[in-house]
Amino acid sequence: MIKYLFYIVVLAAIGLVGYAYVGPWFGADFSAPTEEIRKPVVLHAD
């Protein structure tokens, strides 16, 4: 039982790595957003 679980985990890891490489060809976009976000910060130093 543990042996089969190990095989499933290994296959899932291989599938995840494969999806990371092949995903952009199928329209999956993994890039981070590139817009700048500014928020005011109020410091209360007493």
Protein backbone atom coordinates (compact mmCIF):
# COMPACT_ATOMS: atom_id res chain seq x y z
CA MET A 1 0.00 0.00 0.00
CA ILE A 2 2.80 2.43 0.94
CA LYS A 3 4.63 1.45 -2.25
CA TYR A 4 1.68 2.46 -4.41
CA LEU A 5 1.28 5.72 -2.51
CA PHE A 6 4.95 6.47 -3.16
CA TYR A 7 4.47 5.81 -6.89
CA ILE A 8 1.47 8.14 -6.99
CA VAL A 9 3.42 10.91 -5.23
CA VAL A 10 6.34 10.52 -7.66
CA LEU A 11 4.02 10.59 -10.68
CA ALA A 12 2.24 13.67 -9.30
CA ALA A 13 5.59 15.45 -8.85
CA ILE A 14 6.62 14.57 -12.41
CA GLY A 15 3.25 15.78 -13.68
CA LEU A 16 3.57 19.07 -11.81
CA VAL A 17 7.04 19.72 -13.21
CA GLY A 18 5.83 18.77 -16.68
CA TYR A 19 2.88 21.14 -16.40
CA ALA A 20 5.22 23.95 -15.32
CA TYR A 21 7.25 23.47 -18.51
CA VAL A 22 4.41 22.75 -20.96
CA GLY A 23 1.73 25.00 -19.42
CA PRO A 24 2.72 28.24 -21.20
CA TRP A 25 2.25 26.52 -24.59
CA PHE A 26 -1.38 25.89 -23.65
CA GLY A 27 -2.11 29.39 -22.35
CA ALA A 28 -1.28 29.05 -18.65
CA ASP A 29 0.48 32.22 -17.47
CA PHE A 30 2.70 31.75 -14.43
CA SER A 31 4.34 35.19 -14.44
CA ALA A 32 3.92 37.54 -11.51
CA PRO A 33 1.95 40.78 -11.94
CA THR A 34 4.28 43.64 -12.86
CA GLU A 35 2.33 46.69 -11.73
CA GLU A 36 3.59 48.94 -8.96
CA ILE A 37 1.37 49.29 -5.89
CA ARG A 38 1.83 52.19 -3.49
CA LYS A 39 0.07 52.42 -0.15
CA PRO A 40 0.59 55.11 2.48
CA VAL A 41 2.01 53.97 5.77
CA VAL A 42 1.24 55.85 8.99
CA LEU A 43 3.76 55.37 11.79
CA HIS A 44 2.68 56.21 15.31
CA ALA A 45 5.94 56.90 17.13
CA ASP A 46 5.29 58.23 20.60
